[in-house]
């Protein structure tokens, strides 16, 4: 009969040096892709470039991966686990929205696009599954916390767009036929999708944690 320690052995072996190296490499890849696009010129101002949800979610996810690559000195706090989960939700939002709404547009730098829209969502999700949170996450409280940034981002995007006349994505631009009414419906649709991702991420984290205890 296998013990709980034996069942956890493969996970723990991967979660130490190998997983930390993978985290560091993916964080480096994301920072490199973003740095390259900024240096090469993404076709928009720096202010516009760093207003893309793609860029912000990748910077956040890369920062969390880099933090996780550091040798642990103690068990991660609930705050850190919540930030890791938030990174999963935001980077998955980036990948899914790109696949469903934006993938028809030819990227300026294909390799950077692949890192930011494909590799990072996969890597961050796998990281969450391979090393789930150390404590159980409450769905309602977690949802409230994780939805704060997407809501703030929409407010920022619409307010900034009204001032500078530029919007990072077509579905948040009121310049289309339908104006703000269409923007509202599109934002609500994306918001429902994000709520679903919050639920799935919380459920997966709790389930994986239970399987490894």
N, C-alpha and C. Protein backbone atom coordinates (compact mmCIF):
# COMPACT_ATOMS: atom_id res chain seq x y z
N UNK A 1 0.86 -1.19 0.00
CA UNK A 1 0.00 0.00 0.00
C UNK A 1 0.90 1.24 0.00
N UNK A 2 0.57 2.21 -0.86
CA UNK A 2 1.37 3.44 -0.91
C UNK A 2 0.89 4.41 0.14
N UNK A 3 1.81 5.12 0.73
CA UNK A 3 1.47 6.12 1.73
C UNK A 3 1.26 7.45 1.05
N UNK A 4 0.69 8.44 1.82
CA UNK A 4 0.48 9.77 1.26
C UNK A 4 1.80 10.42 0.88
N UNK A 5 2.85 10.12 1.65
CA UNK A 5 4.17 10.69 1.33
C UNK A 5 4.66 10.16 0.00
N UNK A 6 4.45 8.84 -0.22
CA UNK A 6 4.90 8.24 -1.48
C UNK A 6 4.11 8.78 -2.65
N UNK A 7 2.79 9.02 -2.45
CA UNK A 7 1.98 9.55 -3.55
C UNK A 7 2.40 10.96 -3.90
N UNK A 8 2.93 11.71 -2.94
CA UNK A 8 3.32 13.08 -3.21
C UNK A 8 4.73 13.18 -3.77
N UNK A 9 5.49 12.11 -3.76
CA UNK A 9 6.89 12.18 -4.13
C UNK A 9 7.14 12.78 -5.50
N UNK A 10 6.45 12.33 -6.59
CA UNK A 10 6.71 12.92 -7.90
C UNK A 10 6.44 14.41 -7.92
N UNK A 11 5.35 14.81 -7.26
CA UNK A 11 5.00 16.23 -7.22
C UNK A 11 6.09 17.02 -6.52
N UNK A 12 6.55 16.52 -5.36
CA UNK A 12 7.54 17.26 -4.61
C UNK A 12 8.88 17.31 -5.32
N UNK A 13 9.23 16.23 -6.02
CA UNK A 13 10.48 16.24 -6.77
C UNK A 13 10.44 17.31 -7.86
N UNK A 14 9.30 17.43 -8.54
CA UNK A 14 9.18 18.41 -9.60
C UNK A 14 9.09 19.82 -9.04
N UNK A 15 8.47 19.97 -7.88
CA UNK A 15 8.22 21.30 -7.36
C UNK A 15 9.45 21.96 -6.76
N UNK A 16 10.54 21.21 -6.64
CA UNK A 16 11.73 21.83 -6.07
C UNK A 16 12.62 22.44 -7.14
N UNK A 17 13.77 21.84 -7.50
CA UNK A 17 14.62 22.56 -8.45
C UNK A 17 14.04 22.65 -9.85
N UNK A 18 13.42 21.57 -10.34
CA UNK A 18 12.95 21.56 -11.73
C UNK A 18 11.85 22.59 -11.96
N UNK A 19 10.87 22.63 -11.07
CA UNK A 19 9.77 23.56 -11.23
C UNK A 19 10.24 25.00 -11.08
N UNK A 20 11.17 25.24 -10.18
CA UNK A 20 11.69 26.60 -10.01
C UNK A 20 12.44 27.06 -11.26
N UNK A 21 13.19 26.15 -11.88
CA UNK A 21 13.91 26.49 -13.11
C UNK A 21 12.92 26.81 -14.22
N UNK A 22 11.88 26.00 -14.34
CA UNK A 22 10.85 26.24 -15.37
C UNK A 22 10.17 27.59 -15.16
N UNK A 23 9.88 27.92 -13.92
CA UNK A 23 9.27 29.21 -13.63
C UNK A 23 10.18 30.36 -14.05
N UNK A 24 11.44 30.24 -13.71
CA UNK A 24 12.40 31.30 -14.05
C UNK A 24 12.53 31.45 -15.56
N UNK A 25 12.57 30.35 -16.28
CA UNK A 25 12.72 30.40 -17.74
C UNK A 25 11.49 31.04 -18.39
N UNK A 26 10.30 30.68 -17.92
CA UNK A 26 9.09 31.27 -18.52
C UNK A 26 8.97 32.75 -18.18
N UNK A 27 9.33 33.12 -16.95
CA UNK A 27 9.31 34.53 -16.59
C UNK A 27 10.28 35.31 -17.47
N UNK A 28 11.47 34.75 -17.68
CA UNK A 28 12.47 35.40 -18.53
C UNK A 28 11.95 35.54 -19.96
N UNK A 29 11.28 34.50 -20.46
CA UNK A 29 10.74 34.54 -21.81
C UNK A 29 9.71 35.66 -21.96
N UNK A 30 8.83 35.80 -20.96
CA UNK A 30 7.80 36.84 -21.02
C UNK A 30 8.41 38.23 -20.94
N UNK A 31 9.34 38.43 -20.01
CA UNK A 31 10.00 39.73 -19.90
C UNK A 31 10.77 40.06 -21.17
N UNK A 32 11.41 39.05 -21.76
CA UNK A 32 12.16 39.27 -22.99
C UNK A 32 11.24 39.66 -24.14
N UNK A 33 10.11 38.97 -24.26
CA UNK A 33 9.16 39.27 -25.33
C UNK A 33 8.64 40.70 -25.20
N UNK A 34 8.27 41.09 -23.99
CA UNK A 34 7.76 42.44 -23.77
C UNK A 34 8.87 43.47 -24.01
N UNK A 35 10.06 43.20 -23.49
CA UNK A 35 11.17 44.12 -23.69
C UNK A 35 11.52 44.29 -25.16
N UNK A 36 11.47 43.18 -25.90
CA UNK A 36 11.78 43.23 -27.33
C UNK A 36 10.75 44.09 -28.07
N UNK A 37 9.47 43.88 -27.75
CA UNK A 37 8.43 44.66 -28.42
C UNK A 37 8.57 46.15 -28.13
N UNK A 38 8.90 46.48 -26.89
CA UNK A 38 9.09 47.89 -26.54
C UNK A 38 10.29 48.48 -27.28
N UNK A 39 11.41 47.73 -27.29
CA UNK A 39 12.62 48.22 -27.94
C UNK A 39 12.46 48.32 -29.45
N UNK A 40 11.76 47.33 -30.05
CA UNK A 40 11.61 47.31 -31.50
C UNK A 40 10.53 48.28 -31.97
N UNK A 41 9.66 48.66 -31.06
CA UNK A 41 8.60 49.58 -31.43
C UNK A 41 7.34 48.83 -31.79
N UNK A 42 6.34 48.79 -30.87
CA UNK A 42 5.12 48.03 -31.13
C UNK A 42 4.13 48.74 -32.04
N UNK A 43 4.45 49.94 -32.51
CA UNK A 43 3.54 50.68 -33.37
C UNK A 43 2.61 51.60 -32.61
N UNK A 44 2.71 51.62 -31.28
CA UNK A 44 1.94 52.53 -30.44
C UNK A 44 2.87 53.14 -29.41
N UNK A 45 2.42 54.17 -28.74
CA UNK A 45 3.24 54.80 -27.71
C UNK A 45 3.41 53.84 -26.54
N UNK A 46 4.40 54.13 -25.70
CA UNK A 46 4.61 53.28 -24.52
C UNK A 46 3.38 53.28 -23.61
N UNK A 47 2.74 54.44 -23.50
CA UNK A 47 1.54 54.52 -22.67
C UNK A 47 0.43 53.63 -23.20
N UNK A 48 0.28 53.62 -24.53
CA UNK A 48 -0.72 52.74 -25.14
C UNK A 48 -0.32 51.27 -24.99
N UNK A 49 0.95 50.98 -25.22
CA UNK A 49 1.41 49.59 -25.16
C UNK A 49 1.16 48.99 -23.78
N UNK A 50 1.48 49.73 -22.74
CA UNK A 50 1.29 49.20 -21.39
C UNK A 50 -0.14 49.36 -20.90
N UNK A 51 -1.05 49.70 -21.81
CA UNK A 51 -2.47 49.71 -21.50
C UNK A 51 -3.17 48.46 -22.03
N UNK A 52 -2.42 47.59 -22.70
CA UNK A 52 -2.98 46.32 -23.16
C UNK A 52 -3.10 45.36 -21.98
N UNK A 53 -4.25 44.70 -21.88
CA UNK A 53 -4.43 43.70 -20.83
C UNK A 53 -3.42 42.57 -21.00
N UNK A 54 -3.10 42.26 -22.24
CA UNK A 54 -2.10 41.22 -22.52
C UNK A 54 -0.78 41.53 -21.83
N UNK A 55 -0.32 42.75 -21.97
CA UNK A 55 0.97 43.14 -21.39
C UNK A 55 0.90 43.13 -19.87
N UNK A 56 -0.15 43.72 -19.32
CA UNK A 56 -0.27 43.79 -17.86
C UNK A 56 -0.39 42.40 -17.25
N UNK A 57 -1.20 41.55 -17.86
CA UNK A 57 -1.38 40.20 -17.30
C UNK A 57 -0.10 39.38 -17.40
N UNK A 58 0.65 39.57 -18.48
CA UNK A 58 1.92 38.84 -18.62
C UNK A 58 2.96 39.35 -17.64
N UNK A 59 3.02 40.65 -17.43
CA UNK A 59 3.96 41.18 -16.45
C UNK A 59 3.65 40.65 -15.05
N UNK A 60 2.37 40.64 -14.72
CA UNK A 60 1.96 40.14 -13.40
C UNK A 60 2.27 38.66 -13.26
N UNK A 61 1.91 37.87 -14.29
CA UNK A 61 2.15 36.43 -14.24
C UNK A 61 3.64 36.12 -14.18
N UNK A 62 4.43 36.86 -14.96
CA UNK A 62 5.88 36.64 -14.96
C UNK A 62 6.47 36.98 -13.59
N UNK A 63 5.97 38.03 -12.96
CA UNK A 63 6.46 38.41 -11.64
C UNK A 63 6.16 37.31 -10.62
N UNK A 64 4.96 36.71 -10.70
CA UNK A 64 4.61 35.64 -9.78
C UNK A 64 5.44 34.39 -10.05
N UNK A 65 5.72 34.09 -11.32
CA UNK A 65 6.59 32.96 -11.63
C UNK A 65 7.99 33.20 -11.10
N UNK A 66 8.47 34.41 -11.25
CA UNK A 66 9.81 34.73 -10.78
C UNK A 66 9.89 34.61 -9.26
N UNK A 67 8.83 35.05 -8.59
CA UNK A 67 8.78 34.91 -7.13
C UNK A 67 8.81 33.43 -6.75
N UNK A 68 8.06 32.63 -7.48
CA UNK A 68 8.02 31.20 -7.20
C UNK A 68 9.31 30.48 -7.53
N UNK A 69 10.15 31.11 -8.35
CA UNK A 69 11.43 30.50 -8.70
C UNK A 69 12.46 30.65 -7.59
N UNK A 70 12.20 31.55 -6.64
CA UNK A 70 13.14 31.76 -5.55
C UNK A 70 13.08 30.58 -4.58
N UNK A 71 14.21 30.20 -4.00
CA UNK A 71 14.20 29.12 -3.00
C UNK A 71 13.28 29.49 -1.84
N UNK A 72 12.35 28.63 -1.48
CA UNK A 72 11.39 28.96 -0.42
C UNK A 72 12.06 29.02 0.94
N UNK A 73 11.72 30.04 1.71
CA UNK A 73 12.22 30.15 3.08
C UNK A 73 11.14 29.76 4.09
N UNK A 74 9.89 29.77 3.64
CA UNK A 74 8.77 29.34 4.49
C UNK A 74 7.58 29.07 3.58
N UNK A 75 6.54 28.49 4.13
CA UNK A 75 5.35 28.19 3.33
C UNK A 75 4.70 29.48 2.87
N UNK A 76 4.22 29.47 1.62
CA UNK A 76 3.63 30.68 1.07
C UNK A 76 2.39 31.10 1.84
N UNK A 77 2.19 32.39 1.98
CA UNK A 77 1.04 32.92 2.70
C UNK A 77 -0.21 32.84 1.83
N UNK A 78 -1.36 33.07 2.43
CA UNK A 78 -2.62 33.08 1.69
C UNK A 78 -2.61 34.19 0.63
N UNK A 79 -2.01 35.33 0.98
CA UNK A 79 -1.94 36.44 0.02
C UNK A 79 -1.19 36.03 -1.24
N UNK A 80 -0.06 35.36 -1.07
CA UNK A 80 0.72 34.92 -2.22
C UNK A 80 -0.06 33.91 -3.04
N UNK A 81 -0.75 32.99 -2.39
CA UNK A 81 -1.54 32.00 -3.11
C UNK A 81 -2.67 32.66 -3.89
N UNK A 82 -3.29 33.67 -3.30
CA UNK A 82 -4.34 34.40 -4.00
C UNK A 82 -3.77 35.14 -5.21
N UNK A 83 -2.59 35.70 -5.08
CA UNK A 83 -1.96 36.39 -6.21
C UNK A 83 -1.60 35.39 -7.31
N UNK A 84 -1.14 34.20 -6.93
CA UNK A 84 -0.84 33.17 -7.94
C UNK A 84 -2.11 32.81 -8.70
N UNK A 85 -3.19 32.60 -7.97
CA UNK A 85 -4.45 32.26 -8.63
C UNK A 85 -4.96 33.37 -9.52
N UNK A 86 -4.81 34.61 -9.05
CA UNK A 86 -5.23 35.75 -9.88
C UNK A 86 -4.43 35.79 -11.18
N UNK A 87 -3.15 35.48 -11.10
CA UNK A 87 -2.31 35.45 -12.30
C UNK A 87 -2.82 34.41 -13.29
N UNK A 88 -3.29 33.27 -12.79
CA UNK A 88 -3.84 32.23 -13.65
C UNK A 88 -5.07 32.76 -14.38
N UNK A 89 -5.99 33.37 -13.64
CA UNK A 89 -7.23 33.88 -14.24
C UNK A 89 -6.94 34.93 -15.30
N UNK A 90 -6.05 35.87 -14.99
CA UNK A 90 -5.80 36.97 -15.92
C UNK A 90 -5.07 36.50 -17.17
N UNK A 91 -4.10 35.61 -17.01
CA UNK A 91 -3.34 35.15 -18.18
C UNK A 91 -4.20 34.23 -19.04
N UNK A 92 -5.09 33.45 -18.42
CA UNK A 92 -6.03 32.63 -19.20
C UNK A 92 -7.01 33.51 -19.96
N UNK A 93 -7.44 34.60 -19.33
CA UNK A 93 -8.31 35.56 -20.02
C UNK A 93 -7.60 36.10 -21.25
N UNK A 94 -6.34 36.43 -21.11
CA UNK A 94 -5.55 36.92 -22.24
C UNK A 94 -5.52 35.89 -23.37
N UNK A 95 -5.20 34.66 -23.03
CA UNK A 95 -5.09 33.62 -24.06
C UNK A 95 -6.40 33.31 -24.73
N UNK A 96 -7.47 33.19 -23.94
CA UNK A 96 -8.77 32.81 -24.50
C UNK A 96 -9.36 33.93 -25.35
N UNK A 97 -9.30 35.17 -24.85
CA UNK A 97 -9.82 36.31 -25.63
C UNK A 97 -9.05 36.44 -26.93
N UNK A 98 -7.73 36.23 -26.88
CA UNK A 98 -6.95 36.31 -28.11
C UNK A 98 -7.40 35.24 -29.10
N UNK A 99 -7.55 34.02 -28.62
CA UNK A 99 -7.94 32.92 -29.52
C UNK A 99 -9.32 33.16 -30.13
N UNK A 100 -10.26 33.66 -29.33
CA UNK A 100 -11.63 33.81 -29.80
C UNK A 100 -11.88 35.08 -30.60
N UNK A 101 -11.18 36.16 -30.28
CA UNK A 101 -11.51 37.46 -30.87
C UNK A 101 -10.40 38.12 -31.67
N UNK A 102 -9.15 37.78 -31.38
CA UNK A 102 -8.06 38.57 -31.95
C UNK A 102 -7.06 37.80 -32.78
N UNK A 103 -7.17 36.49 -32.83
CA UNK A 103 -6.13 35.69 -33.48
C UNK A 103 -6.08 35.88 -35.00
N UNK A 104 -7.13 36.48 -35.58
CA UNK A 104 -7.12 36.70 -37.02
C UNK A 104 -6.21 37.82 -37.46
N UNK A 105 -5.73 38.61 -36.49
CA UNK A 105 -4.83 39.72 -36.82
C UNK A 105 -3.39 39.23 -36.81
N UNK A 106 -2.67 39.53 -37.88
CA UNK A 106 -1.27 39.08 -37.97
C UNK A 106 -0.43 39.82 -36.94
N UNK A 107 0.28 39.10 -36.06
CA UNK A 107 1.09 39.77 -35.05
C UNK A 107 2.33 40.42 -35.65
N UNK A 108 2.76 41.50 -35.05
CA UNK A 108 3.97 42.19 -35.53
C UNK A 108 5.20 41.33 -35.32
N UNK A 109 5.28 40.68 -34.17
CA UNK A 109 6.42 39.81 -33.85
C UNK A 109 5.87 38.44 -33.44
N UNK A 110 5.78 37.50 -34.38
CA UNK A 110 5.14 36.20 -34.11
C UNK A 110 5.70 35.47 -32.90
N UNK A 111 7.02 35.47 -32.71
CA UNK A 111 7.59 34.72 -31.59
C UNK A 111 7.17 35.33 -30.26
N UNK A 112 7.15 36.67 -30.18
CA UNK A 112 6.71 37.32 -28.95
C UNK A 112 5.23 37.07 -28.71
N UNK A 113 4.46 37.11 -29.79
CA UNK A 113 3.04 36.82 -29.69
C UNK A 113 2.80 35.41 -29.15
N UNK A 114 3.59 34.45 -29.63
CA UNK A 114 3.46 33.06 -29.18
C UNK A 114 3.76 32.94 -27.69
N UNK A 115 4.77 33.64 -27.23
CA UNK A 115 5.12 33.60 -25.80
C UNK A 115 4.00 34.19 -24.95
N UNK A 116 3.52 35.36 -25.33
CA UNK A 116 2.57 36.10 -24.50
C UNK A 116 1.15 35.55 -24.56
N UNK A 117 0.74 34.99 -25.70
CA UNK A 117 -0.64 34.55 -25.86
C UNK A 117 -0.83 33.04 -25.78
N UNK A 118 0.23 32.27 -25.94
CA UNK A 118 0.11 30.82 -25.93
C UNK A 118 0.91 30.17 -24.80
N UNK A 119 2.23 30.40 -24.80
CA UNK A 119 3.09 29.71 -23.83
C UNK A 119 2.80 30.13 -22.40
N UNK A 120 2.67 31.42 -22.16
CA UNK A 120 2.45 31.88 -20.78
C UNK A 120 1.13 31.37 -20.19
N UNK A 121 0.00 31.44 -20.92
CA UNK A 121 -1.22 30.88 -20.33
C UNK A 121 -1.09 29.40 -19.98
N UNK A 122 -0.43 28.64 -20.84
CA UNK A 122 -0.25 27.22 -20.57
C UNK A 122 0.67 27.01 -19.37
N UNK A 123 1.80 27.72 -19.35
CA UNK A 123 2.78 27.54 -18.29
C UNK A 123 2.23 27.93 -16.92
N UNK A 124 1.54 29.05 -16.84
CA UNK A 124 1.03 29.52 -15.55
C UNK A 124 -0.08 28.60 -15.04
N UNK A 125 -0.89 28.09 -15.95
CA UNK A 125 -1.94 27.15 -15.55
C UNK A 125 -1.34 25.84 -15.04
N UNK A 126 -0.34 25.33 -15.76
CA UNK A 126 0.32 24.10 -15.32
C UNK A 126 0.99 24.29 -13.96
N UNK A 127 1.58 25.45 -13.77
CA UNK A 127 2.23 25.73 -12.48
C UNK A 127 1.22 25.66 -11.35
N UNK A 128 0.02 26.20 -11.57
CA UNK A 128 -1.04 26.18 -10.56
C UNK A 128 -1.48 24.75 -10.26
N UNK A 129 -1.54 23.91 -11.29
CA UNK A 129 -1.98 22.53 -11.12
C UNK A 129 -0.89 21.66 -10.49
N UNK A 130 0.37 21.92 -10.86
CA UNK A 130 1.46 21.13 -10.32
C UNK A 130 1.74 21.47 -8.86
N UNK A 131 1.59 22.73 -8.52
CA UNK A 131 1.77 23.13 -7.12
C UNK A 131 0.58 23.99 -6.70
N UNK A 132 -0.52 23.35 -6.33
CA UNK A 132 -1.74 24.07 -5.97
C UNK A 132 -1.56 24.84 -4.67
N UNK A 133 -2.52 25.69 -4.33
CA UNK A 133 -2.42 26.47 -3.09
C UNK A 133 -2.34 25.58 -1.87
N UNK A 134 -1.65 26.06 -0.84
CA UNK A 134 -1.47 25.27 0.37
C UNK A 134 -2.69 25.27 1.28
N UNK A 135 -3.63 26.18 1.00
CA UNK A 135 -4.84 26.24 1.80
C UNK A 135 -6.07 26.29 0.89
N UNK A 136 -7.20 25.90 1.42
CA UNK A 136 -8.43 25.91 0.63
C UNK A 136 -8.88 27.35 0.40
N UNK A 137 -9.32 27.64 -0.83
CA UNK A 137 -9.76 28.98 -1.19
C UNK A 137 -11.28 29.03 -1.21
N UNK A 138 -11.84 30.03 -0.56
CA UNK A 138 -13.28 30.24 -0.56
C UNK A 138 -13.69 30.90 -1.87
N UNK A 139 -14.64 30.32 -2.57
CA UNK A 139 -14.99 30.78 -3.92
C UNK A 139 -15.50 32.22 -3.93
N UNK A 140 -16.42 32.56 -3.05
CA UNK A 140 -17.03 33.89 -3.08
C UNK A 140 -16.01 34.97 -2.76
N UNK A 141 -15.28 34.80 -1.67
CA UNK A 141 -14.28 35.80 -1.30
C UNK A 141 -13.19 35.91 -2.35
N UNK A 142 -12.80 34.77 -2.90
CA UNK A 142 -11.77 34.77 -3.92
C UNK A 142 -12.25 35.48 -5.18
N UNK A 143 -13.50 35.23 -5.56
CA UNK A 143 -14.05 35.86 -6.76
C UNK A 143 -14.06 37.37 -6.62
N UNK A 144 -14.45 37.86 -5.46
CA UNK A 144 -14.49 39.31 -5.23
C UNK A 144 -13.10 39.91 -5.40
N UNK A 145 -12.09 39.25 -4.84
CA UNK A 145 -10.73 39.77 -4.92
C UNK A 145 -10.20 39.71 -6.36
N UNK A 146 -10.41 38.57 -7.02
CA UNK A 146 -9.84 38.39 -8.35
C UNK A 146 -10.54 39.22 -9.42
N UNK A 147 -11.80 39.60 -9.19
CA UNK A 147 -12.51 40.41 -10.18
C UNK A 147 -12.19 41.88 -10.05
N UNK A 148 -11.49 42.28 -8.99
CA UNK A 148 -11.21 43.70 -8.77
C UNK A 148 -10.36 44.29 -9.89
N UNK A 149 -9.32 43.56 -10.31
CA UNK A 149 -8.45 44.11 -11.35
C UNK A 149 -9.14 44.22 -12.71
N UNK A 150 -9.85 43.18 -13.20
CA UNK A 150 -10.55 43.35 -14.48
C UNK A 150 -11.52 44.52 -14.47
N UNK A 151 -12.24 44.72 -13.36
CA UNK A 151 -13.16 45.84 -13.27
C UNK A 151 -12.41 47.17 -13.32
N UNK A 152 -11.32 47.26 -12.56
CA UNK A 152 -10.51 48.48 -12.57
C UNK A 152 -9.92 48.73 -13.95
N UNK A 153 -9.52 47.65 -14.64
CA UNK A 153 -8.94 47.79 -15.97
C UNK A 153 -9.96 48.36 -16.96
N UNK A 154 -11.20 47.89 -16.91
CA UNK A 154 -12.22 48.40 -17.81
C UNK A 154 -12.49 49.88 -17.55
N UNK A 155 -12.59 50.25 -16.28
CA UNK A 155 -12.81 51.66 -15.93
C UNK A 155 -11.65 52.51 -16.46
N UNK A 156 -10.43 52.05 -16.22
CA UNK A 156 -9.24 52.77 -16.69
C UNK A 156 -9.24 52.88 -18.22
N UNK A 157 -9.53 51.78 -18.90
CA UNK A 157 -9.47 51.75 -20.36
C UNK A 157 -10.49 52.70 -20.98
N UNK A 158 -11.71 52.69 -20.47
CA UNK A 158 -12.75 53.56 -21.02
C UNK A 158 -12.47 55.03 -20.70
N UNK A 159 -12.00 55.28 -19.48
CA UNK A 159 -11.69 56.66 -19.10
C UNK A 159 -10.51 57.20 -19.91
N UNK A 160 -9.46 56.42 -20.02
CA UNK A 160 -8.29 56.86 -20.79
C UNK A 160 -8.63 57.00 -22.27
N UNK A 161 -9.41 56.05 -22.79
CA UNK A 161 -9.79 56.11 -24.19
C UNK A 161 -10.58 57.36 -24.51
N UNK A 162 -11.46 57.76 -23.60
CA UNK A 162 -12.25 58.98 -23.82
C UNK A 162 -11.37 60.22 -23.85
N UNK A 163 -10.24 60.15 -23.16
CA UNK A 163 -9.32 61.30 -23.12
C UNK A 163 -8.39 61.33 -24.32
N UNK A 164 -7.77 60.19 -24.63
CA UNK A 164 -6.74 60.16 -25.70
C UNK A 164 -7.30 59.69 -27.04
N UNK A 165 -8.52 59.17 -27.06
CA UNK A 165 -9.12 58.72 -28.31
C UNK A 165 -8.55 57.43 -28.86
N UNK A 166 -8.02 56.58 -27.98
CA UNK A 166 -7.43 55.30 -28.40
C UNK A 166 -7.85 54.22 -27.43
N UNK A 167 -8.20 53.05 -27.99
CA UNK A 167 -8.62 51.91 -27.18
C UNK A 167 -7.81 50.68 -27.59
N UNK A 168 -7.36 49.88 -26.63
CA UNK A 168 -6.47 48.76 -26.95
C UNK A 168 -7.16 47.63 -27.72
N UNK A 169 -8.48 47.48 -27.57
CA UNK A 169 -9.19 46.39 -28.23
C UNK A 169 -10.47 46.92 -28.85
N UNK A 170 -10.86 46.32 -29.97
CA UNK A 170 -12.04 46.81 -30.69
C UNK A 170 -13.31 46.69 -29.87
N UNK A 171 -13.38 45.66 -29.01
CA UNK A 171 -14.62 45.43 -28.28
C UNK A 171 -14.81 46.37 -27.09
N UNK A 172 -13.82 47.21 -26.80
CA UNK A 172 -14.02 48.23 -25.76
C UNK A 172 -14.06 49.63 -26.37
N UNK A 173 -14.13 49.69 -27.69
CA UNK A 173 -14.16 50.99 -28.37
C UNK A 173 -15.60 51.42 -28.65
N UNK A 174 -16.02 52.57 -28.15
CA UNK A 174 -17.38 53.06 -28.42
C UNK A 174 -17.49 53.72 -29.80
N UNK A 175 -16.40 53.75 -30.56
CA UNK A 175 -16.42 54.35 -31.89
C UNK A 175 -17.10 53.46 -32.91
N UNK A 176 -17.39 52.20 -32.54
CA UNK A 176 -18.11 51.30 -33.44
C UNK A 176 -19.59 51.66 -33.46
N UNK A 177 -20.28 51.16 -34.50
CA UNK A 177 -21.73 51.30 -34.53
C UNK A 177 -22.29 50.57 -33.31
N UNK A 178 -23.13 51.25 -32.58
CA UNK A 178 -23.66 50.66 -31.35
C UNK A 178 -23.11 51.35 -30.13
N UNK A 179 -21.94 52.01 -30.29
CA UNK A 179 -21.38 52.82 -29.23
C UNK A 179 -21.22 52.12 -27.90
N UNK A 180 -21.53 52.85 -26.84
CA UNK A 180 -21.32 52.31 -25.49
C UNK A 180 -22.26 51.15 -25.16
N UNK A 181 -23.41 51.09 -25.83
CA UNK A 181 -24.32 49.97 -25.59
C UNK A 181 -23.67 48.65 -26.01
N UNK A 182 -23.02 48.67 -27.18
CA UNK A 182 -22.34 47.47 -27.66
C UNK A 182 -21.13 47.16 -26.78
N UNK A 183 -20.41 48.19 -26.37
CA UNK A 183 -19.26 47.99 -25.47
C UNK A 183 -19.73 47.32 -24.18
N UNK A 184 -20.85 47.80 -23.65
CA UNK A 184 -21.37 47.23 -22.40
C UNK A 184 -21.69 45.75 -22.55
N UNK A 185 -22.34 45.38 -23.66
CA UNK A 185 -22.68 43.97 -23.87
C UNK A 185 -21.44 43.12 -24.05
N UNK A 186 -20.45 43.65 -24.78
CA UNK A 186 -19.20 42.89 -24.99
C UNK A 186 -18.44 42.72 -23.68
N UNK A 187 -18.38 43.79 -22.90
CA UNK A 187 -17.66 43.74 -21.62
C UNK A 187 -18.35 42.77 -20.67
N UNK A 188 -19.68 42.78 -20.66
CA UNK A 188 -20.41 41.84 -19.81
C UNK A 188 -20.13 40.40 -20.22
N UNK A 189 -20.08 40.16 -21.53
CA UNK A 189 -19.80 38.80 -22.00
C UNK A 189 -18.42 38.35 -21.56
N UNK A 190 -17.42 39.22 -21.72
CA UNK A 190 -16.07 38.88 -21.28
C UNK A 190 -16.04 38.72 -19.76
N UNK A 191 -16.78 39.58 -19.06
CA UNK A 191 -16.82 39.49 -17.60
C UNK A 191 -17.39 38.18 -17.12
N UNK A 192 -18.43 37.69 -17.78
CA UNK A 192 -19.01 36.40 -17.42
C UNK A 192 -17.98 35.29 -17.64
N UNK A 193 -17.23 35.41 -18.74
CA UNK A 193 -16.17 34.43 -18.99
C UNK A 193 -15.11 34.45 -17.91
N UNK A 194 -14.75 35.64 -17.44
CA UNK A 194 -13.74 35.74 -16.38
C UNK A 194 -14.26 35.14 -15.08
N UNK A 195 -15.53 35.38 -14.77
CA UNK A 195 -16.12 34.78 -13.57
C UNK A 195 -16.06 33.26 -13.66
N UNK A 196 -16.32 32.72 -14.86
CA UNK A 196 -16.23 31.27 -15.04
C UNK A 196 -14.80 30.79 -14.82
N UNK A 197 -13.82 31.56 -15.28
CA UNK A 197 -12.42 31.20 -15.07
C UNK A 197 -12.06 31.26 -13.58
N UNK A 198 -12.61 32.24 -12.87
CA UNK A 198 -12.39 32.32 -11.43
C UNK A 198 -12.89 31.05 -10.75
N UNK A 199 -14.10 30.64 -11.11
CA UNK A 199 -14.66 29.43 -10.53
C UNK A 199 -13.84 28.20 -10.87
N UNK A 200 -13.42 28.09 -12.12
CA UNK A 200 -12.65 26.91 -12.54
C UNK A 200 -11.28 26.89 -11.87
N UNK A 201 -10.64 28.04 -11.78
CA UNK A 201 -9.32 28.10 -11.16
C UNK A 201 -9.38 27.77 -9.68
N UNK A 202 -10.38 28.31 -8.99
CA UNK A 202 -10.56 28.01 -7.57
C UNK A 202 -10.85 26.53 -7.36
N UNK A 203 -11.76 25.99 -8.16
CA UNK A 203 -12.12 24.57 -8.04
C UNK A 203 -10.91 23.68 -8.30
N UNK A 204 -10.16 23.98 -9.36
CA UNK A 204 -9.00 23.15 -9.71
C UNK A 204 -7.94 23.22 -8.62
N UNK A 205 -7.71 24.42 -8.08
CA UNK A 205 -6.71 24.56 -7.02
C UNK A 205 -7.10 23.77 -5.78
N UNK A 206 -8.38 23.88 -5.38
CA UNK A 206 -8.83 23.14 -4.20
C UNK A 206 -8.81 21.64 -4.44
N UNK A 207 -9.21 21.22 -5.62
CA UNK A 207 -9.24 19.80 -5.92
C UNK A 207 -7.83 19.22 -5.95
N UNK A 208 -6.89 19.92 -6.58
CA UNK A 208 -5.51 19.44 -6.65
C UNK A 208 -4.89 19.43 -5.24
N UNK A 209 -5.21 20.42 -4.45
CA UNK A 209 -4.70 20.44 -3.08
C UNK A 209 -5.20 19.23 -2.31
N UNK A 210 -6.51 18.92 -2.47
CA UNK A 210 -7.08 17.77 -1.78
C UNK A 210 -6.45 16.46 -2.22
N UNK A 211 -6.10 16.37 -3.49
CA UNK A 211 -5.51 15.14 -4.02
C UNK A 211 -4.10 14.92 -3.50
N UNK A 212 -3.42 16.01 -3.12
CA UNK A 212 -2.02 15.89 -2.70
C UNK A 212 -1.86 15.86 -1.19
N UNK A 213 -2.95 16.08 -0.46
CA UNK A 213 -2.86 16.07 1.00
C UNK A 213 -2.78 14.63 1.49
